[in-house]
Amino acid sequence: MVLRFMDNNKDDKYYAKKAIENIAAIEKYISTISYDQFVLDDELIDAVMFRFIQLVENIKNISTEFKEQNNGIPWGDIIGFRNGIVHDYGHTDYKIVYETAVNDLKDLRIAFENYYNLC
């Protein structure tokens, strides 16, 4: 058996790429879905919330320098959003999850894409 180890070179570019991938997945999942459809699909809810959790786990590892250069992004609110999903699962307000997915990811995606494309 051959063991393969993950590349441990995880810098802002790595985390930006992962963030872009998670945002793209969320946007794809809900691009044609209304809120009423969203709340009736447990698998879709799980997929979106999993991607949000993964997104924020990567954001938590972004350097302070990157965050300071993109200080228009509410980093603390983003981490708080993740904490609400993880620690209050079962009581999560799906309207907030859906509206965040629909309305609040574009600027974040653009910030990460701009950074990633400059590297």
PDB file of N, CA and C in Angstrom:
ATOM      1  N   MET A   1       0.853  -1.172   0.000  1.00  0.00           N
ATOM      2  CA  MET A   1       0.000   0.000   0.000  1.00  0.00           C
ATOM      3  C   MET A   1       0.900   1.237   0.000  1.00  0.00           C
ATOM      4  N   VAL A   2       0.552   2.179  -0.836  1.00  0.00           N
ATOM      5  CA  VAL A   2       1.281   3.444  -0.918  1.00  0.00           C
ATOM      6  C   VAL A   2       0.461   4.509  -0.227  1.00  0.00           C
ATOM      7  N   LEU A   3       1.092   5.168   0.735  1.00  0.00           N
ATOM      8  CA  LEU A   3       0.416   6.261   1.419  1.00  0.00           C
ATOM      9  C   LEU A   3       0.751   7.564   0.715  1.00  0.00           C
ATOM     10  N   ARG A   4      -0.252   8.337   0.451  1.00  0.00           N
ATOM     11  CA  ARG A   4      -0.046   9.633  -0.175  1.00  0.00           C
ATOM     12  C   ARG A   4      -0.393  10.706   0.844  1.00  0.00           C
ATOM     13  N   PHE A   5       0.484  11.666   0.957  1.00  0.00           N
ATOM     14  CA  PHE A   5       0.276  12.738   1.903  1.00  0.00           C
ATOM     15  C   PHE A   5      -0.131  14.000   1.171  1.00  0.00           C
ATOM     16  N   MET A   6      -0.964  14.769   1.831  1.00  0.00           N
ATOM     17  CA  MET A   6      -1.407  16.031   1.250  1.00  0.00           C
ATOM     18  C   MET A   6      -0.235  17.005   1.222  1.00  0.00           C
ATOM     19  N   ASP A   7      -0.241  17.861   0.251  1.00  0.00           N
ATOM     20  CA  ASP A   7       0.738  18.927   0.177  1.00  0.00           C
ATOM     21  C   ASP A   7       0.528  19.853   1.370  1.00  0.00           C
ATOM     22  N   ASN A   8       1.553  20.022   2.159  1.00  0.00           N
ATOM     23  CA  ASN A   8       1.430  20.858   3.357  1.00  0.00           C
ATOM     24  C   ASN A   8       1.739  22.321   3.091  1.00  0.00           C
ATOM     25  N   ASN A   9       2.002  22.676   1.848  1.00  0.00           N
ATOM     26  CA  ASN A   9       2.293  24.065   1.497  1.00  0.00           C
ATOM     27  C   ASN A   9       0.966  24.811   1.317  1.00  0.00           C
ATOM     28  N   LYS A  10       0.402  25.215   2.421  1.00  0.00           N
ATOM     29  CA  LYS A  10      -0.897  25.879   2.385  1.00  0.00           C
ATOM     30  C   LYS A  10      -0.714  27.352   2.707  1.00  0.00           C
ATOM     31  N   ASP A  11      -0.808  28.164   1.667  1.00  0.00           N
ATOM     32  CA  ASP A  11      -0.667  29.603   1.804  1.00  0.00           C
ATOM     33  C   ASP A  11      -1.967  30.270   1.385  1.00  0.00           C
ATOM     34  N   ASP A  12      -1.959  31.590   1.312  1.00  0.00           N
ATOM     35  CA  ASP A  12      -3.185  32.309   0.937  1.00  0.00           C
ATOM     36  C   ASP A  12      -3.704  31.862  -0.429  1.00  0.00           C
ATOM     37  N   LYS A  13      -2.814  31.581  -1.349  1.00  0.00           N
ATOM     38  CA  LYS A  13      -3.251  31.144  -2.683  1.00  0.00           C
ATOM     39  C   LYS A  13      -4.016  29.815  -2.582  1.00  0.00           C
ATOM     40  N   TYR A  14      -3.512  28.910  -1.788  1.00  0.00           N
ATOM     41  CA  TYR A  14      -4.191  27.617  -1.580  1.00  0.00           C
ATOM     42  C   TYR A  14      -5.590  27.851  -0.995  1.00  0.00           C
ATOM     43  N   TYR A  15      -5.656  28.661   0.072  1.00  0.00           N
ATOM     44  CA  TYR A  15      -6.951  28.896   0.719  1.00  0.00           C
ATOM     45  C   TYR A  15      -7.901  29.694  -0.169  1.00  0.00           C
ATOM     46  N   ALA A  16      -7.367  30.592  -0.969  1.00  0.00           N
ATOM     47  CA  ALA A  16      -8.200  31.335  -1.918  1.00  0.00           C
ATOM     48  C   ALA A  16      -8.815  30.387  -2.937  1.00  0.00           C
ATOM     49  N   LYS A  17      -8.009  29.463  -3.435  1.00  0.00           N
ATOM     50  CA  LYS A  17      -8.520  28.483  -4.415  1.00  0.00           C
ATOM     51  C   LYS A  17      -9.623  27.644  -3.799  1.00  0.00           C
ATOM     52  N   LYS A  18      -9.411  27.178  -2.585  1.00  0.00           N
ATOM     53  CA  LYS A  18     -10.435  26.368  -1.904  1.00  0.00           C
ATOM     54  C   LYS A  18     -11.709  27.192  -1.667  1.00  0.00           C
ATOM     55  N   ALA A  19     -11.549  28.453  -1.292  1.00  0.00           N
ATOM     56  CA  ALA A  19     -12.711  29.319  -1.081  1.00  0.00           C
ATOM     57  C   ALA A  19     -13.491  29.504  -2.372  1.00  0.00           C
ATOM     58  N   ILE A  20     -12.775  29.741  -3.471  1.00  0.00           N
ATOM     59  CA  ILE A  20     -13.424  29.902  -4.780  1.00  0.00           C
ATOM     60  C   ILE A  20     -14.201  28.642  -5.135  1.00  0.00           C
ATOM     61  N   GLU A  21     -13.605  27.485  -4.915  1.00  0.00           N
ATOM     62  CA  GLU A  21     -14.268  26.211  -5.229  1.00  0.00           C
ATOM     63  C   GLU A  21     -15.543  26.038  -4.410  1.00  0.00           C
ATOM     64  N   ASN A  22     -15.491  26.361  -3.123  1.00  0.00           N
ATOM     65  CA  ASN A  22     -16.674  26.213  -2.279  1.00  0.00           C
ATOM     66  C   ASN A  22     -17.767  27.203  -2.642  1.00  0.00           C
ATOM     67  N   ILE A  23     -17.380  28.438  -2.931  1.00  0.00           N
ATOM     68  CA  ILE A  23     -18.373  29.430  -3.352  1.00  0.00           C
ATOM     69  C   ILE A  23     -19.008  29.011  -4.676  1.00  0.00           C
ATOM     70  N   ALA A  24     -18.199  28.544  -5.606  1.00  0.00           N
ATOM     71  CA  ALA A  24     -18.726  28.107  -6.907  1.00  0.00           C
ATOM     72  C   ALA A  24     -19.721  26.958  -6.726  1.00  0.00           C
ATOM     73  N   ALA A  25     -19.418  26.050  -5.825  1.00  0.00           N
ATOM     74  CA  ALA A  25     -20.333  24.938  -5.585  1.00  0.00           C
ATOM     75  C   ALA A  25     -21.659  25.439  -5.016  1.00  0.00           C
ATOM     76  N   ILE A  26     -21.591  26.327  -4.036  1.00  0.00           N
ATOM     77  CA  ILE A  26     -22.822  26.874  -3.454  1.00  0.00           C
ATOM     78  C   ILE A  26     -23.634  27.595  -4.520  1.00  0.00           C
ATOM     79  N   GLU A  27     -22.966  28.426  -5.311  1.00  0.00           N
ATOM     80  CA  GLU A  27     -23.670  29.165  -6.355  1.00  0.00           C
ATOM     81  C   GLU A  27     -24.307  28.213  -7.363  1.00  0.00           C
ATOM     82  N   LYS A  28     -23.615  27.145  -7.693  1.00  0.00           N
ATOM     83  CA  LYS A  28     -24.155  26.152  -8.630  1.00  0.00           C
ATOM     84  C   LYS A  28     -25.376  25.452  -8.027  1.00  0.00           C
ATOM     85  N   TYR A  29     -25.270  25.069  -6.773  1.00  0.00           N
ATOM     86  CA  TYR A  29     -26.368  24.339  -6.124  1.00  0.00           C
ATOM     87  C   TYR A  29     -27.662  25.142  -6.095  1.00  0.00           C
ATOM     88  N   ILE A  30     -27.562  26.447  -5.910  1.00  0.00           N
ATOM     89  CA  ILE A  30     -28.779  27.243  -5.710  1.00  0.00           C
ATOM     90  C   ILE A  30     -29.128  28.148  -6.878  1.00  0.00           C
ATOM     91  N   SER A  31     -28.370  28.058  -7.968  1.00  0.00           N
ATOM     92  CA  SER A  31     -28.554  29.005  -9.077  1.00  0.00           C
ATOM     93  C   SER A  31     -29.968  29.010  -9.655  1.00  0.00           C
ATOM     94  N   THR A  32     -30.641  27.907  -9.610  1.00  0.00           N
ATOM     95  CA  THR A  32     -31.990  27.841 -10.182  1.00  0.00           C
ATOM     96  C   THR A  32     -33.038  27.433  -9.145  1.00  0.00           C
ATOM     97  N   ILE A  33     -32.675  27.570  -7.877  1.00  0.00           N
ATOM     98  CA  ILE A  33     -33.537  27.081  -6.802  1.00  0.00           C
ATOM     99  C   ILE A  33     -34.144  28.253  -6.035  1.00  0.00           C
ATOM    100  N   SER A  34     -35.432  28.207  -5.837  1.00  0.00           N
ATOM    101  CA  SER A  34     -36.095  29.220  -5.006  1.00  0.00           C
ATOM    102  C   SER A  34     -35.938  28.830  -3.534  1.00  0.00           C
ATOM    103  N   TYR A  35     -36.228  29.773  -2.671  1.00  0.00           N
ATOM    104  CA  TYR A  35     -36.176  29.475  -1.241  1.00  0.00           C
ATOM    105  C   TYR A  35     -37.137  28.345  -0.889  1.00  0.00           C
ATOM    106  N   ASP A  36     -38.341  28.375  -1.450  1.00  0.00           N
ATOM    107  CA  ASP A  36     -39.327  27.334  -1.159  1.00  0.00           C
ATOM    108  C   ASP A  36     -38.824  25.951  -1.570  1.00  0.00           C
ATOM    109  N   GLN A  37     -38.118  25.870  -2.677  1.00  0.00           N
ATOM    110  CA  GLN A  37     -37.533  24.595  -3.107  1.00  0.00           C
ATOM    111  C   GLN A  37     -36.379  24.197  -2.184  1.00  0.00           C
ATOM    112  N   PHE A  38     -35.593  25.181  -1.808  1.00  0.00           N
ATOM    113  CA  PHE A  38     -34.433  24.940  -0.953  1.00  0.00           C
ATOM    114  C   PHE A  38     -34.834  24.280   0.361  1.00  0.00           C
ATOM    115  N   VAL A  39     -35.827  24.837   1.043  1.00  0.00           N
ATOM    116  CA  VAL A  39     -36.191  24.337   2.380  1.00  0.00           C
ATOM    117  C   VAL A  39     -36.849  22.960   2.334  1.00  0.00           C
ATOM    118  N   LEU A  40     -37.257  22.520   1.159  1.00  0.00           N
ATOM    119  CA  LEU A  40     -37.871  21.195   1.043  1.00  0.00           C
ATOM    120  C   LEU A  40     -36.864  20.108   0.669  1.00  0.00           C
ATOM    121  N   ASP A  41     -35.627  20.482   0.446  1.00  0.00           N
ATOM    122  CA  ASP A  41     -34.617  19.540  -0.031  1.00  0.00           C
ATOM    123  C   ASP A  41     -33.512  19.389   1.014  1.00  0.00           C
ATOM    124  N   ASP A  42     -33.657  18.376   1.862  1.00  0.00           N
ATOM    125  CA  ASP A  42     -32.691  18.165   2.945  1.00  0.00           C
ATOM    126  C   ASP A  42     -31.270  17.937   2.428  1.00  0.00           C
ATOM    127  N   GLU A  43     -31.142  17.224   1.325  1.00  0.00           N
ATOM    128  CA  GLU A  43     -29.804  16.965   0.780  1.00  0.00           C
ATOM    129  C   GLU A  43     -29.166  18.257   0.272  1.00  0.00           C
ATOM    130  N   LEU A  44     -29.949  19.108  -0.332  1.00  0.00           N
ATOM    131  CA  LEU A  44     -29.437  20.385  -0.814  1.00  0.00           C
ATOM    132  C   LEU A  44     -29.034  21.275   0.367  1.00  0.00           C
ATOM    133  N   ILE A  45     -29.862  21.306   1.384  1.00  0.00           N
ATOM    134  CA  ILE A  45     -29.520  22.072   2.595  1.00  0.00           C
ATOM    135  C   ILE A  45     -28.198  21.571   3.165  1.00  0.00           C
ATOM    136  N   ASP A  46     -28.058  20.259   3.294  1.00  0.00           N
ATOM    137  CA  ASP A  46     -26.815  19.688   3.820  1.00  0.00           C
ATOM    138  C   ASP A  46     -25.621  20.055   2.949  1.00  0.00           C
ATOM    139  N   ALA A  47     -25.786  19.979   1.640  1.00  0.00           N
ATOM    140  CA  ALA A  47     -24.690  20.284   0.724  1.00  0.00           C
ATOM    141  C   ALA A  47     -24.268  21.741   0.842  1.00  0.00           C
ATOM    142  N   VAL A  48     -25.235  22.637   0.875  1.00  0.00           N
ATOM    143  CA  VAL A  48     -24.926  24.068   0.974  1.00  0.00           C
ATOM    144  C   VAL A  48     -24.268  24.375   2.315  1.00  0.00           C
ATOM    145  N   MET A  49     -24.813  23.838   3.378  1.00  0.00           N
ATOM    146  CA  MET A  49     -24.243  24.123   4.693  1.00  0.00           C
ATOM    147  C   MET A  49     -22.850  23.507   4.835  1.00  0.00           C
ATOM    148  N   PHE A  50     -22.631  22.327   4.288  1.00  0.00           N
ATOM    149  CA  PHE A  50     -21.290  21.730   4.313  1.00  0.00           C
ATOM    150  C   PHE A  50     -20.300  22.627   3.593  1.00  0.00           C
ATOM    151  N   ARG A  51     -20.691  23.128   2.429  1.00  0.00           N
ATOM    152  CA  ARG A  51     -19.799  24.004   1.667  1.00  0.00           C
ATOM    153  C   ARG A  51     -19.536  25.314   2.402  1.00  0.00           C
ATOM    154  N   PHE A  52     -20.544  25.842   3.080  1.00  0.00           N
ATOM    155  CA  PHE A  52     -20.320  27.045   3.883  1.00  0.00           C
ATOM    156  C   PHE A  52     -19.301  26.764   4.992  1.00  0.00           C
ATOM    157  N   ILE A  53     -19.447  25.630   5.646  1.00  0.00           N
ATOM    158  CA  ILE A  53     -18.508  25.269   6.711  1.00  0.00           C
ATOM    159  C   ILE A  53     -17.099  25.136   6.154  1.00  0.00           C
ATOM    160  N   GLN A  54     -16.956  24.455   5.025  1.00  0.00           N
ATOM    161  CA  GLN A  54     -15.641  24.304   4.400  1.00  0.00           C
ATOM    162  C   GLN A  54     -15.080  25.661   3.984  1.00  0.00           C
ATOM    163  N   LEU A  55     -15.919  26.502   3.426  1.00  0.00           N
ATOM    164  CA  LEU A  55     -15.506  27.843   3.013  1.00  0.00           C
ATOM    165  C   LEU A  55     -14.906  28.603   4.188  1.00  0.00           C
ATOM    166  N   VAL A  56     -15.604  28.607   5.290  1.00  0.00           N
ATOM    167  CA  VAL A  56     -15.146  29.391   6.431  1.00  0.00           C
ATOM    168  C   VAL A  56     -13.934  28.750   7.092  1.00  0.00           C
ATOM    169  N   GLU A  57     -13.838  27.438   7.081  1.00  0.00           N
ATOM    170  CA  GLU A  57     -12.632  26.794   7.611  1.00  0.00           C
ATOM    171  C   GLU A  57     -11.407  27.262   6.835  1.00  0.00           C
ATOM    172  N   ASN A  58     -11.542  27.422   5.534  1.00  0.00           N
ATOM    173  CA  ASN A  58     -10.432  27.941   4.729  1.00  0.00           C
ATOM    174  C   ASN A  58     -10.201  29.420   5.008  1.00  0.00           C
ATOM    175  N   ILE A  59     -11.260  30.187   5.138  1.00  0.00           N
ATOM    176  CA  ILE A  59     -11.133  31.615   5.426  1.00  0.00           C
ATOM    177  C   ILE A  59     -10.417  31.837   6.754  1.00  0.00           C
ATOM    178  N   LYS A  60     -10.686  30.994   7.729  1.00  0.00           N
ATOM    179  CA  LYS A  60     -10.036  31.147   9.030  1.00  0.00           C
ATOM    180  C   LYS A  60      -8.511  31.041   8.917  1.00  0.00           C
ATOM    181  N   ASN A  61      -8.029  30.401   7.874  1.00  0.00           N
ATOM    182  CA  ASN A  61      -6.586  30.218   7.693  1.00  0.00           C
ATOM    183  C   ASN A  61      -5.942  31.276   6.799  1.00  0.00           C
ATOM    184  N   ILE A  62      -6.742  32.163   6.245  1.00  0.00           N
ATOM    185  CA  ILE A  62      -6.210  33.246   5.414  1.00  0.00           C
ATOM    186  C   ILE A  62      -5.395  34.185   6.310  1.00  0.00           C
ATOM    187  N   SER A  63      -4.319  34.704   5.768  1.00  0.00           N
ATOM    188  CA  SER A  63      -3.442  35.574   6.560  1.00  0.00           C
ATOM    189  C   SER A  63      -4.135  36.874   6.967  1.00  0.00           C
ATOM    190  N   THR A  64      -3.643  37.431   8.054  1.00  0.00           N
ATOM    191  CA  THR A  64      -4.124  38.730   8.513  1.00  0.00           C
ATOM    192  C   THR A  64      -3.882  39.784   7.443  1.00  0.00           C
ATOM    193  N   GLU A  65      -2.766  39.684   6.758  1.00  0.00           N
ATOM    194  CA  GLU A  65      -2.439  40.646   5.696  1.00  0.00           C
ATOM    195  C   GLU A  65      -3.512  40.643   4.610  1.00  0.00           C
ATOM    196  N   PHE A  66      -3.922  39.455   4.159  1.00  0.00           N
ATOM    197  CA  PHE A  66      -4.972  39.358   3.141  1.00  0.00           C
ATOM    198  C   PHE A  66      -6.259  39.995   3.661  1.00  0.00           C
ATOM    199  N   LYS A  67      -6.611  39.681   4.900  1.00  0.00           N
ATOM    200  CA  LYS A  67      -7.850  40.216   5.473  1.00  0.00           C
ATOM    201  C   LYS A  67      -7.787  41.738   5.597  1.00  0.00           C
ATOM    202  N   GLU A  68      -6.629  42.257   5.969  1.00  0.00           N
ATOM    203  CA  GLU A  68      -6.486  43.716   6.089  1.00  0.00           C
ATOM    204  C   GLU A  68      -6.559  44.392   4.722  1.00  0.00           C
ATOM    205  N   GLN A  69      -6.038  43.726   3.695  1.00  0.00           N
ATOM    206  CA  GLN A  69      -6.107  44.280   2.338  1.00  0.00           C
ATOM    207  C   GLN A  69      -7.528  44.232   1.786  1.00  0.00           C
ATOM    208  N   ASN A  70      -8.356  43.393   2.351  1.00  0.00           N
ATOM    209  CA  ASN A  70      -9.751  43.246   1.932  1.00  0.00           C
ATOM    210  C   ASN A  70     -10.654  43.547   3.124  1.00  0.00           C
ATOM    211  N   ASN A  71     -10.425  44.700   3.740  1.00  0.00           N
ATOM    212  CA  ASN A  71     -11.115  45.031   4.984  1.00  0.00           C
ATOM    213  C   ASN A  71     -12.586  45.396   4.797  1.00  0.00           C
ATOM    214  N   GLY A  72     -13.057  45.441   3.575  1.00  0.00           N
ATOM    215  CA  GLY A  72     -14.475  45.671   3.329  1.00  0.00           C
ATOM    216  C   GLY A  72     -15.301  44.408   3.496  1.00  0.00           C
ATOM    217  N   ILE A  73     -14.627  43.297   3.651  1.00  0.00           N
ATOM    218  CA  ILE A  73     -15.314  42.021   3.840  1.00  0.00           C
ATOM    219  C   ILE A  73     -15.482  41.799   5.340  1.00  0.00           C
ATOM    220  N   PRO A  74     -16.688  41.486   5.784  1.00  0.00           N
ATOM    221  CA  PRO A  74     -16.933  41.328   7.226  1.00  0.00           C
ATOM    222  C   PRO A  74     -16.458  39.958   7.739  1.00  0.00           C
ATOM    223  N   TRP A  75     -15.148  39.826   7.896  1.00  0.00           N
ATOM    224  CA  TRP A  75     -14.539  38.535   8.265  1.00  0.00           C
ATOM    225  C   TRP A  75     -15.139  37.965   9.544  1.00  0.00           C
ATOM    226  N   GLY A  76     -15.329  38.796  10.547  1.00  0.00           N
ATOM    227  CA  GLY A  76     -15.889  38.313  11.812  1.00  0.00           C
ATOM    228  C   GLY A  76     -17.304  37.785  11.654  1.00  0.00           C
ATOM    229  N   ASP A  77     -18.103  38.473  10.851  1.00  0.00           N
ATOM    230  CA  ASP A  77     -19.478  38.017  10.606  1.00  0.00           C
ATOM    231  C   ASP A  77     -19.485  36.674   9.873  1.00  0.00           C
ATOM    232  N   ILE A  78     -18.539  36.499   8.958  1.00  0.00           N
ATOM    233  CA  ILE A  78     -18.460  35.253   8.201  1.00  0.00           C
ATOM    234  C   ILE A  78     -18.142  34.093   9.141  1.00  0.00           C
ATOM    235  N   ILE A  79     -17.196  34.303  10.024  1.00  0.00           N
ATOM    236  CA  ILE A  79     -16.833  33.248  10.975  1.00  0.00           C
ATOM    237  C   ILE A  79     -17.985  32.997  11.941  1.00  0.00           C
ATOM    238  N   GLY A  80     -18.670  34.051  12.361  1.00  0.00           N
ATOM    239  CA  GLY A  80     -19.834  33.890  13.223  1.00  0.00           C
ATOM    240  C   GLY A  80     -20.956  33.117  12.546  1.00  0.00           C
ATOM    241  N   PHE A  81     -21.124  33.337  11.250  1.00  0.00           N
ATOM    242  CA  PHE A  81     -22.137  32.611  10.468  1.00  0.00           C
ATOM    243  C   PHE A  81     -21.840  31.116  10.505  1.00  0.00           C
ATOM    244  N   ARG A  82     -20.585  30.757  10.277  1.00  0.00           N
ATOM    245  CA  ARG A  82     -20.160  29.349  10.321  1.00  0.00           C
ATOM    246  C   ARG A  82     -20.412  28.765  11.707  1.00  0.00           C
ATOM    247  N   ASN A  83     -20.062  29.515  12.741  1.00  0.00           N
ATOM    248  CA  ASN A  83     -20.243  29.020  14.101  1.00  0.00           C
ATOM    249  C   ASN A  83     -21.717  28.767  14.398  1.00  0.00           C
ATOM    250  N   GLY A  84     -22.577  29.624  13.877  1.00  0.00           N
ATOM    251  CA  GLY A  84     -24.010  29.418  14.057  1.00  0.00           C
ATOM    252  C   GLY A  84     -24.497  28.141  13.401  1.00  0.00           C
ATOM    253  N   ILE A  85     -23.971  27.851  12.211  1.00  0.00           N
ATOM    254  CA  ILE A  85     -24.357  26.622  11.515  1.00  0.00           C
ATOM    255  C   ILE A  85     -23.849  25.402  12.275  1.00  0.00           C
ATOM    256  N   VAL A  86     -22.604  25.437  12.688  1.00  0.00           N
ATOM    257  CA  VAL A  86     -21.988  24.269  13.320  1.00  0.00           C
ATOM    258  C   VAL A  86     -22.526  24.015  14.719  1.00  0.00           C
ATOM    259  N   HIS A  87     -22.653  25.049  15.513  1.00  0.00           N
ATOM    260  CA  HIS A  87     -22.977  24.859  16.916  1.00  0.00           C
ATOM    261  C   HIS A  87     -24.461  24.937  17.232  1.00  0.00           C
ATOM    262  N   ASP A  88     -25.260  25.334  16.269  1.00  0.00           N
ATOM    263  CA  ASP A  88     -26.701  25.424  16.501  1.00  0.00           C
ATOM    264  C   ASP A  88     -27.447  24.628  15.440  1.00  0.00           C
ATOM    265  N   TYR A  89     -26.792  23.578  14.955  1.00  0.00           N
ATOM    266  CA  TYR A  89     -27.396  22.760  13.911  1.00  0.00           C
ATOM    267  C   TYR A  89     -28.742  22.225  14.396  1.00  0.00           C
ATOM    268  N   GLY A  90     -29.703  22.245  13.531  1.00  0.00           N
ATOM    269  CA  GLY A  90     -31.052  21.850  13.900  1.00  0.00           C
ATOM    270  C   GLY A  90     -31.925  23.053  14.203  1.00  0.00           C
ATOM    271  N   HIS A  91     -31.288  24.169  14.503  1.00  0.00           N
ATOM    272  CA  HIS A  91     -32.016  25.407  14.780  1.00  0.00           C
ATOM    273  C   HIS A  91     -31.590  26.504  13.806  1.00  0.00           C
ATOM    274  N   THR A  92     -30.902  26.107  12.766  1.00  0.00           N
ATOM    275  CA  THR A  92     -30.394  27.069  11.798  1.00  0.00           C
ATOM    276  C   THR A  92     -31.543  27.681  11.020  1.00  0.00           C
ATOM    277  N   ASP A  93     -31.490  28.976  10.840  1.00  0.00           N
ATOM    278  CA  ASP A  93     -32.503  29.685  10.063  1.00  0.00           C
ATOM    279  C   ASP A  93     -32.134  29.536   8.582  1.00  0.00           C
ATOM    280  N   TYR A  94     -32.846  28.675   7.880  1.00  0.00           N
ATOM    281  CA  TYR A  94     -32.530  28.390   6.477  1.00  0.00           C
ATOM    282  C   TYR A  94     -32.745  29.597   5.576  1.00  0.00           C
ATOM    283  N   LYS A  95     -33.591  30.511   5.990  1.00  0.00           N
ATOM    284  CA  LYS A  95     -33.785  31.743   5.216  1.00  0.00           C
ATOM    285  C   LYS A  95     -32.478  32.538   5.178  1.00  0.00           C
ATOM    286  N   ILE A  96     -31.794  32.618   6.316  1.00  0.00           N
ATOM    287  CA  ILE A  96     -30.514  33.323   6.369  1.00  0.00           C
ATOM    288  C   ILE A  96     -29.473  32.593   5.530  1.00  0.00           C
ATOM    289  N   VAL A  97     -29.443  31.277   5.606  1.00  0.00           N
ATOM    290  CA  VAL A  97     -28.493  30.489   4.808  1.00  0.00           C
ATOM    291  C   VAL A  97     -28.746  30.728   3.324  1.00  0.00           C
ATOM    292  N   TYR A  98     -29.995  30.649   2.922  1.00  0.00           N
ATOM    293  CA  TYR A  98     -30.341  30.835   1.512  1.00  0.00           C
ATOM    294  C   TYR A  98     -30.015  32.255   1.045  1.00  0.00           C
ATOM    295  N   GLU A  99     -30.430  33.249   1.811  1.00  0.00           N
ATOM    296  CA  GLU A  99     -30.182  34.638   1.414  1.00  0.00           C
ATOM    297  C   GLU A  99     -28.691  34.954   1.376  1.00  0.00           C
ATOM    298  N   THR A 100     -27.934  34.384   2.284  1.00  0.00           N
ATOM    299  CA  THR A 100     -26.482  34.566   2.264  1.00  0.00           C
ATOM    300  C   THR A 100     -25.901  33.951   1.004  1.00  0.00           C
ATOM    301  N   ALA A 101     -26.367  32.763   0.665  1.00  0.00           N
ATOM    302  CA  ALA A 101     -25.878  32.086  -0.538  1.00  0.00           C
ATOM    303  C   ALA A 101     -26.218  32.879  -1.798  1.00  0.00           C
ATOM    304  N   VAL A 102     -27.398  33.438  -1.842  1.00  0.00           N
ATOM    305  CA  VAL A 102     -27.850  34.163  -3.032  1.00  0.00           C
ATOM    306  C   VAL A 102     -27.251  35.566  -3.118  1.00  0.00           C
ATOM    307  N   ASN A 103     -27.164  36.256  -1.993  1.00  0.00           N
ATOM    308  CA  ASN A 103     -26.841  37.685  -2.018  1.00  0.00           C
ATOM    309  C   ASN A 103     -25.435  38.076  -1.576  1.00  0.00           C
ATOM    310  N   ASP A 104     -24.773  37.242  -0.810  1.00  0.00           N
ATOM    311  CA  ASP A 104     -23.563  37.718  -0.142  1.00  0.00           C
ATOM    312  C   ASP A 104     -22.256  37.066  -0.582  1.00  0.00           C
ATOM    313  N   LEU A 105     -22.291  36.163  -1.507  1.00  0.00           N
ATOM    314  CA  LEU A 105     -21.058  35.463  -1.874  1.00  0.00           C
ATOM    315  C   LEU A 105     -20.291  36.097  -3.025  1.00  0.00           C
ATOM    316  N   LYS A 106     -20.966  36.885  -3.835  1.00  0.00           N
ATOM    317  CA  LYS A 106     -20.328  37.436  -5.033  1.00  0.00           C
ATOM    318  C   LYS A 106     -19.085  38.264  -4.702  1.00  0.00           C
ATOM    319  N   ASP A 107     -19.199  39.209  -3.768  1.00  0.00           N
ATOM    320  CA  ASP A 107     -18.058  40.060  -3.421  1.00  0.00           C
ATOM    321  C   ASP A 107     -16.910  39.245  -2.842  1.00  0.00           C
ATOM    322  N   LEU A 108     -17.244  38.259  -2.044  1.00  0.00           N
ATOM    323  CA  LEU A 108     -16.218  37.392  -1.470  1.00  0.00           C
ATOM    324  C   LEU A 108     -15.510  36.603  -2.564  1.00  0.00           C
ATOM    325  N   ARG A 109     -16.289  36.047  -3.489  1.00  0.00           N
ATOM    326  CA  ARG A 109     -15.706  35.295  -4.605  1.00  0.00           C
ATOM    327  C   ARG A 109     -14.789  36.196  -5.427  1.00  0.00           C
ATOM    328  N   ILE A 110     -15.232  37.404  -5.715  1.00  0.00           N
ATOM    329  CA  ILE A 110     -14.429  38.328  -6.514  1.00  0.00           C
ATOM    330  C   ILE A 110     -13.112  38.648  -5.813  1.00  0.00           C
ATOM    331  N   ALA A 111     -13.155  38.889  -4.512  1.00  0.00           N
ATOM    332  CA  ALA A 111     -11.925  39.187  -3.766  1.00  0.00           C
ATOM    333  C   ALA A 111     -10.936  38.034  -3.871  1.00  0.00           C
ATOM    334  N   PHE A 112     -11.429  36.821  -3.714  1.00  0.00           N
ATOM    335  CA  PHE A 112     -10.541  35.658  -3.806  1.00  0.00           C
ATOM    336  C   PHE A 112     -10.057  35.433  -5.234  1.00  0.00           C
ATOM    337  N   GLU A 113     -10.932  35.626  -6.211  1.00  0.00           N
ATOM    338  CA  GLU A 113     -10.511  35.455  -7.605  1.00  0.00           C
ATOM    339  C   GLU A 113      -9.467  36.492  -7.990  1.00  0.00           C
ATOM    340  N   ASN A 114      -9.663  37.732  -7.591  1.00  0.00           N
ATOM    341  CA  ASN A 114      -8.680  38.773  -7.891  1.00  0.00           C
ATOM    342  C   ASN A 114      -7.324  38.423  -7.303  1.00  0.00           C
ATOM    343  N   TYR A 115      -7.326  37.991  -6.061  1.00  0.00           N
ATOM    344  CA  TYR A 115      -6.065  37.619  -5.407  1.00  0.00           C
ATOM    345  C   TYR A 115      -5.431  36.424  -6.124  1.00  0.00           C
ATOM    346  N   TYR A 116      -6.225  35.396  -6.362  1.00  0.00           N
ATOM    347  CA  TYR A 116      -5.717  34.160  -6.971  1.00  0.00           C
ATOM    348  C   TYR A 116      -5.132  34.431  -8.360  1.00  0.00           C
ATOM    349  N   ASN A 117      -5.805  35.264  -9.127  1.00  0.00           N
ATOM    350  CA  ASN A 117      -5.335  35.568 -10.478  1.00  0.00           C
ATOM    351  C   ASN A 117      -4.063  36.419 -10.505  1.00  0.00           C
ATOM    352  N   LEU A 118      -3.795  37.131  -9.409  1.00  0.00           N
ATOM    353  CA  LEU A 118      -2.574  37.933  -9.326  1.00  0.00           C
ATOM    354  C   LEU A 118      -1.352  37.084  -8.955  1.00  0.00           C
ATOM    355  N   CYS A 119      -1.604  35.948  -8.352  1.00  0.00           N
ATOM    356  CA  CYS A 119      -0.490  35.096  -7.911  1.00  0.00           C
ATOM    357  C   CYS A 119       0.123  34.313  -9.061  1.00  0.00           C
TER     358      CYS A 119
END
